[in-house]
Amino acid sequence: MDLRVFTEPQQGATFAQLSAMAKRAERLGFSGFFRSDHYLYIGAGDPRPGVTDAWVTLGGIALETSTLRLGTLMSSATFRLPGPLAVSVAQVDDMSGGRVELGLGAGWYEKEHRAFAIPFPGVGERFDRLEEQLEILEGLWATPAGGSFDYEGKYYDIEGCPSVFLPVQRPHPPVIIGGHGRRRTPELAAASPPSSTWQDRASKRSSNNSPASTTPAGRSGANRGPSRDRCGSRSVSVATRPSSNAGRPPAAGSQVNCERAG
């Protein structure tokens, strides 16, 4: 079993706390350290100070660890344009020596988007944008040095983008496609690159209501790769509380996420 720590620092955690938790997780033998990608407190209660950016945090932790897989569950496709996201993920992969995994979803938290002036289109458009982002990320990371990448989509156009900062992992870091829909999320995972996996984040759904694998979905158009079979994965999250032991790092909105490796 592959045991990985998952934290939700938007509930209140500083970089120092997250770094301490990641280093302790590595010492205890966990294989990965993942964090949510949110800027706004979720749920009732007063927002706590210490909101951190996911990819800035992971870049810092990358330099302070040596074995942990590092990634997001999930980054929202509404938060970042695909070109800058490709550079950020590739750079953190380089900083970590090839230990990054990108979790990417369509986005869901409308209140957060409104609080940070981030556009929040309807669910259909969000999924369309996610699909285009996945195609662009794959294309940019596959562009060799000296080459360029072009893309024409409904929401994103790219003209002559030179080879970006390429990730250490080739052809690119693993991509985890997050969502709880029964059709479009599995279809996106089925049509994505070989190292992609689909994670059903709807923890209340029984296993016989959630597909254990996905069916290949055809894709057409420029810059779209062939469909491929994808395995779905589920996670079991165990909530933890901060220990009263002063020698331990504080729990950061903590969960331990035990997930099957893709």
Protein backbone atom coordinates (compact mmCIF):
# COMPACT_ATOMS: atom_id res chain seq x y z
CA MET A 1 0.00 0.00 0.00
CA ASP A 2 1.23 3.44 -0.96
CA LEU A 3 0.70 5.86 1.95
CA ARG A 4 0.73 9.58 1.26
CA VAL A 5 -0.07 12.57 3.43
CA PHE A 6 -2.74 14.99 2.22
CA THR A 7 -3.23 18.38 3.86
CA GLU A 8 -5.76 21.20 3.48
CA PRO A 9 -3.79 24.28 4.52
CA GLN A 10 -6.50 26.73 3.47
CA GLN A 11 -7.99 25.85 6.86
CA GLY A 12 -5.03 27.60 8.48
CA ALA A 13 -1.36 26.66 8.08
CA THR A 14 1.88 28.49 7.40
CA PHE A 15 4.65 27.35 5.10
CA ALA A 16 6.78 26.55 8.16
CA GLN A 17 4.09 24.21 9.47
CA LEU A 18 3.66 22.51 6.11
CA SER A 19 7.40 22.12 5.69
CA ALA A 20 7.75 20.59 9.15
CA MET A 21 4.93 18.15 8.42
CA ALA A 22 6.42 17.15 5.07
CA LYS A 23 9.86 16.49 6.54
CA ARG A 24 8.35 14.44 9.35
CA ALA A 25 6.26 12.47 6.85
CA GLU A 26 9.42 11.67 4.93
CA ARG A 27 11.22 10.51 8.08
CA LEU A 28 8.26 8.27 8.97
CA GLY A 29 8.39 6.58 5.58
CA PHE A 30 5.40 8.10 3.78
CA SER A 31 5.88 8.12 0.02
CA GLY A 32 4.19 11.42 -0.77
CA PHE A 33 3.02 14.79 0.48
CA PHE A 34 0.08 16.39 -1.26
CA ARG A 35 -1.88 19.52 -0.53
CA SER A 36 -5.13 21.10 -1.65
CA ASP A 37 -5.00 24.13 -3.91
CA HIS A 38 -7.37 26.60 -2.27
CA TYR A 39 -7.10 30.20 -1.15
CA LEU A 40 -10.24 30.41 0.96
CA TYR A 41 -11.28 28.71 4.18
CA ILE A 42 -13.93 26.03 3.61
CA GLY A 43 -16.84 25.55 5.99
CA ALA A 44 -18.19 27.35 9.02
CA GLY A 45 -16.04 29.44 11.33
CA ASP A 46 -13.69 32.35 10.98
CA PRO A 47 -11.03 32.23 8.25
CA ARG A 48 -7.59 31.66 9.71
CA PRO A 49 -4.40 33.45 8.71
CA GLY A 50 -1.63 31.80 6.77
CA VAL A 51 -3.14 31.05 3.34
CA THR A 52 -0.38 29.81 1.04
CA ASP A 53 -0.07 29.24 -2.69
CA ALA A 54 0.11 25.55 -3.58
CA TRP A 55 2.90 25.61 -6.14
CA VAL A 56 5.05 28.12 -4.27
CA THR A 57 4.72 25.86 -1.21
CA LEU A 58 5.62 22.71 -3.11
CA GLY A 59 8.68 24.41 -4.62
CA GLY A 60 9.95 25.21 -1.13
CA ILE A 61 9.25 21.73 0.18
CA ALA A 62 10.97 20.23 -2.88
CA LEU A 63 14.25 21.78 -1.76
CA GLU A 64 13.81 20.48 1.81
CA THR A 65 12.99 16.83 1.02
CA SER A 66 14.55 14.11 -1.08
CA THR A 67 12.16 11.17 -1.50
CA LEU A 68 8.56 12.40 -1.14
CA ARG A 69 6.32 12.58 -4.17
CA LEU A 70 4.83 16.09 -4.18
CA GLY A 71 1.63 17.37 -5.72
CA THR A 72 -1.79 18.95 -5.59
CA LEU A 73 -5.22 17.43 -5.00
CA MET A 74 -6.54 19.30 -6.87
CA SER A 75 -5.39 22.42 -8.66
CA SER A 76 -8.29 24.19 -10.31
CA ALA A 77 -8.12 24.82 -14.05
CA THR A 78 -9.77 28.18 -13.37
CA PHE A 79 -6.87 29.42 -11.22
CA ARG A 80 -4.04 29.50 -13.76
CA LEU A 81 -3.56 29.88 -17.48
CA PRO A 82 -2.19 26.69 -19.06
CA GLY A 83 1.13 28.14 -20.24
CA PRO A 84 2.24 29.52 -16.86
CA LEU A 85 0.95 26.35 -15.16
CA ALA A 86 3.12 24.22 -17.45
CA VAL A 87 6.17 26.27 -16.45
CA SER A 88 5.37 26.19 -12.70
CA VAL A 89 4.85 22.42 -12.58
CA ALA A 90 7.94 21.72 -14.69
CA GLN A 91 10.08 23.99 -12.52
CA VAL A 92 8.96 22.33 -9.27
CA ASP A 93 9.62 18.96 -10.92
CA ASP A 94 13.15 20.15 -11.64
CA MET A 95 13.59 21.53 -8.11
CA SER A 96 12.52 18.17 -6.66
CA GLY A 97 14.61 16.04 -8.98
CA GLY A 98 11.55 14.58 -10.69
CA ARG A 99 9.06 14.00 -7.84
CA VAL A 100 6.03 16.07 -8.86
CA GLU A 101 2.48 14.96 -9.67
CA LEU A 102 -0.14 17.39 -10.95
CA GLY A 103 -3.71 17.00 -9.73
CA LEU A 104 -6.02 19.08 -11.91
CA GLY A 105 -9.78 19.54 -11.86
CA ALA A 106 -12.41 21.87 -13.28
CA GLY A 107 -12.90 23.85 -10.04
CA TRP A 108 -15.98 23.97 -7.83
CA TYR A 109 -15.77 26.53 -5.00
CA GLU A 110 -17.70 29.55 -6.31
CA LYS A 111 -17.34 31.60 -3.12
CA GLU A 112 -13.56 31.34 -3.38
CA HIS A 113 -13.56 32.52 -6.98
CA ARG A 114 -15.67 35.53 -6.12
CA ALA A 115 -13.46 36.40 -3.15
CA PHE A 116 -10.31 36.43 -5.30
CA ALA A 117 -11.72 37.94 -8.52
CA ILE A 118 -11.33 34.66 -10.42
CA PRO A 119 -13.91 34.11 -13.18
CA PHE A 120 -16.26 31.21 -12.45
CA PRO A 121 -18.10 30.09 -15.62
CA GLY A 122 -20.73 27.37 -15.76
CA VAL A 123 -19.80 23.76 -15.22
CA GLY A 124 -19.85 22.92 -18.93
CA GLU A 125 -17.37 25.67 -19.77
CA ARG A 126 -15.16 24.76 -16.82
CA PHE A 127 -14.87 21.19 -18.09
CA ASP A 128 -14.19 22.41 -21.63
CA ARG A 129 -11.40 24.61 -20.30
CA LEU A 130 -9.98 21.72 -18.28
CA GLU A 131 -9.91 19.55 -21.39
CA GLU A 132 -8.07 22.22 -23.37
CA GLN A 133 -5.62 22.80 -20.53
CA LEU A 134 -4.75 19.09 -20.43
CA GLU A 135 -4.10 19.11 -24.18
CA ILE A 136 -1.95 22.23 -23.94
CA LEU A 137 0.10 20.91 -21.01
CA GLU A 138 0.81 17.70 -22.88
CA GLY A 139 1.73 19.60 -26.02
CA LEU A 140 4.02 22.12 -24.31
CA TRP A 141 5.86 19.43 -22.35
CA ALA A 142 6.32 17.35 -25.51
CA THR A 143 7.84 20.22 -27.52
CA PRO A 144 11.58 19.57 -27.92
CA ALA A 145 14.23 22.21 -27.42
CA GLY A 146 14.36 24.47 -30.43
CA GLY A 147 10.80 23.64 -31.42
CA SER A 148 7.57 25.53 -30.97
CA PHE A 149 3.96 24.68 -30.12
CA ASP A 150 0.73 25.95 -31.63
CA TYR A 151 -2.79 25.30 -30.43
CA GLU A 152 -6.21 26.50 -31.49
CA GLY A 153 -9.07 25.88 -29.11
CA LYS A 154 -12.36 27.39 -28.11
CA TYR A 155 -10.93 29.16 -25.06
CA TYR A 156 -7.14 29.10 -25.53
CA ASP A 157 -5.00 29.87 -28.57
CA ILE A 158 -1.23 29.48 -28.66
CA GLU A 159 0.96 30.82 -31.44
CA GLY A 160 4.59 29.82 -31.73
CA CYS A 161 5.30 29.10 -28.06
CA PRO A 162 8.94 28.03 -27.81
CA SER A 163 9.93 24.97 -25.80
CA VAL A 164 9.05 25.79 -22.19
CA PHE A 165 10.89 24.78 -19.03
CA LEU A 166 10.72 21.00 -19.51
CA PRO A 167 10.04 18.69 -16.54
CA VAL A 168 12.58 16.13 -15.39
CA GLN A 169 10.06 13.29 -15.68
CA ARG A 170 9.53 12.33 -19.29
CA PRO A 171 7.36 12.68 -21.14
CA HIS A 172 5.90 14.66 -18.22
CA PRO A 173 4.92 14.31 -14.53
CA PRO A 174 1.94 12.09 -13.68
CA VAL A 175 -1.38 13.89 -14.03
CA ILE A 176 -4.26 13.12 -11.65
CA ILE A 177 -7.61 14.25 -13.04
CA GLY A 178 -10.00 15.05 -10.22
CA GLY A 179 -13.76 15.13 -10.20
CA HIS A 180 -16.90 13.32 -9.13
CA GLY A 181 -18.88 13.21 -12.36
CA ARG A 182 -19.71 9.83 -13.83
CA ARG A 183 -19.14 10.77 -17.48
CA ARG A 184 -16.84 13.66 -18.34
CA THR A 185 -14.20 13.11 -15.64
CA PRO A 186 -13.58 9.45 -16.59
CA GLU A 187 -13.66 10.39 -20.27
CA LEU A 188 -10.97 13.03 -19.76
CA ALA A 189 -8.80 10.55 -17.90
CA ALA A 190 -9.32 7.90 -20.57
CA ALA A 191 -8.18 10.30 -23.28
CA SER A 192 -5.21 11.69 -21.38
CA PRO A 193 -1.53 10.70 -21.51
CA PRO A 194 -0.43 7.25 -20.25
CA SER A 195 0.76 8.51 -16.86
CA SER A 196 -2.61 10.10 -16.04
CA THR A 197 -5.03 8.68 -13.51
CA TRP A 198 -8.56 9.49 -12.49
CA GLN A 199 -9.41 10.05 -8.87
CA ASP A 200 -13.01 10.00 -7.69
CA ARG A 201 -13.15 12.53 -4.87
CA ALA A 202 -16.77 11.83 -3.97
CA SER A 203 -16.04 9.98 -0.75
CA LYS A 204 -19.70 9.29 0.06
CA ARG A 205 -20.33 7.37 -3.14
CA SER A 206 -20.41 3.60 -2.71
CA SER A 207 -17.93 1.57 -4.71
CA ASN A 208 -20.60 -0.08 -6.86
CA ASN A 209 -21.83 3.35 -7.98
CA SER A 210 -18.38 4.44 -9.10
CA PRO A 211 -16.63 2.82 -12.07
CA ALA A 212 -13.47 0.92 -11.21
CA SER A 213 -12.05 1.68 -14.63
CA THR A 214 -12.83 3.94 -17.51
CA THR A 215 -13.76 3.36 -21.12
CA PRO A 216 -11.57 4.91 -23.79
CA ALA A 217 -13.12 8.09 -25.15
CA GLY A 218 -12.44 9.19 -28.70
CA ARG A 219 -10.99 12.62 -29.27
CA SER A 220 -10.67 14.53 -32.49
CA GLY A 221 -9.18 17.77 -33.68
CA ALA A 222 -5.74 19.35 -33.83
CA ASN A 223 -3.27 18.63 -31.05
CA ARG A 224 -5.46 15.89 -29.56
CA GLY A 225 -3.83 12.57 -28.75
CA PRO A 226 -5.31 9.06 -29.10
CA SER A 227 -7.61 7.64 -26.46
CA ARG A 228 -6.12 5.26 -23.89
CA ASP A 229 -7.44 3.03 -21.13
CA ARG A 230 -7.25 4.51 -17.66
CA CYS A 231 -7.54 3.02 -14.23
CA GLY A 232 -9.56 4.86 -11.65
CA SER A 233 -8.36 5.21 -8.09
CA ARG A 234 -10.09 6.00 -4.83
CA SER A 235 -8.64 7.38 -1.65
CA VAL A 236 -9.36 6.88 2.02
CA SER A 237 -8.91 10.02 4.11
CA VAL A 238 -8.44 9.84 7.86
CA ALA A 239 -8.87 13.13 9.72
CA THR A 240 -6.28 13.87 12.38
CA ARG A 241 -6.06 16.39 15.19
CA PRO A 242 -3.03 18.43 16.27
CA SER A 243 -1.08 16.64 18.97
CA SER A 244 -0.51 18.32 22.28
CA ASN A 245 3.09 17.15 22.05
CA ALA A 246 5.07 20.34 21.47
CA GLY A 247 7.81 18.35 19.75
CA ARG A 248 5.58 17.51 16.81
CA PRO A 249 4.72 19.83 13.94
CA PRO A 250 1.16 21.16 14.00
CA ALA A 251 -1.39 19.39 11.86
CA ALA A 252 -2.40 21.60 8.98
CA GLY A 253 -6.10 21.08 8.48
CA SER A 254 -4.78 17.61 8.37
CA GLN A 255 -5.79 14.48 6.61
CA VAL A 256 -3.77 11.42 5.82
CA ASN A 257 -4.56 10.39 2.30
CA CYS A 258 -3.88 6.73 1.59
CA GLU A 259 -4.23 6.21 -2.11
CA ARG A 260 -3.45 3.47 -4.52
CA ALA A 261 -0.58 4.45 -6.75
CA GLY A 262 -1.66 5.06 -10.32
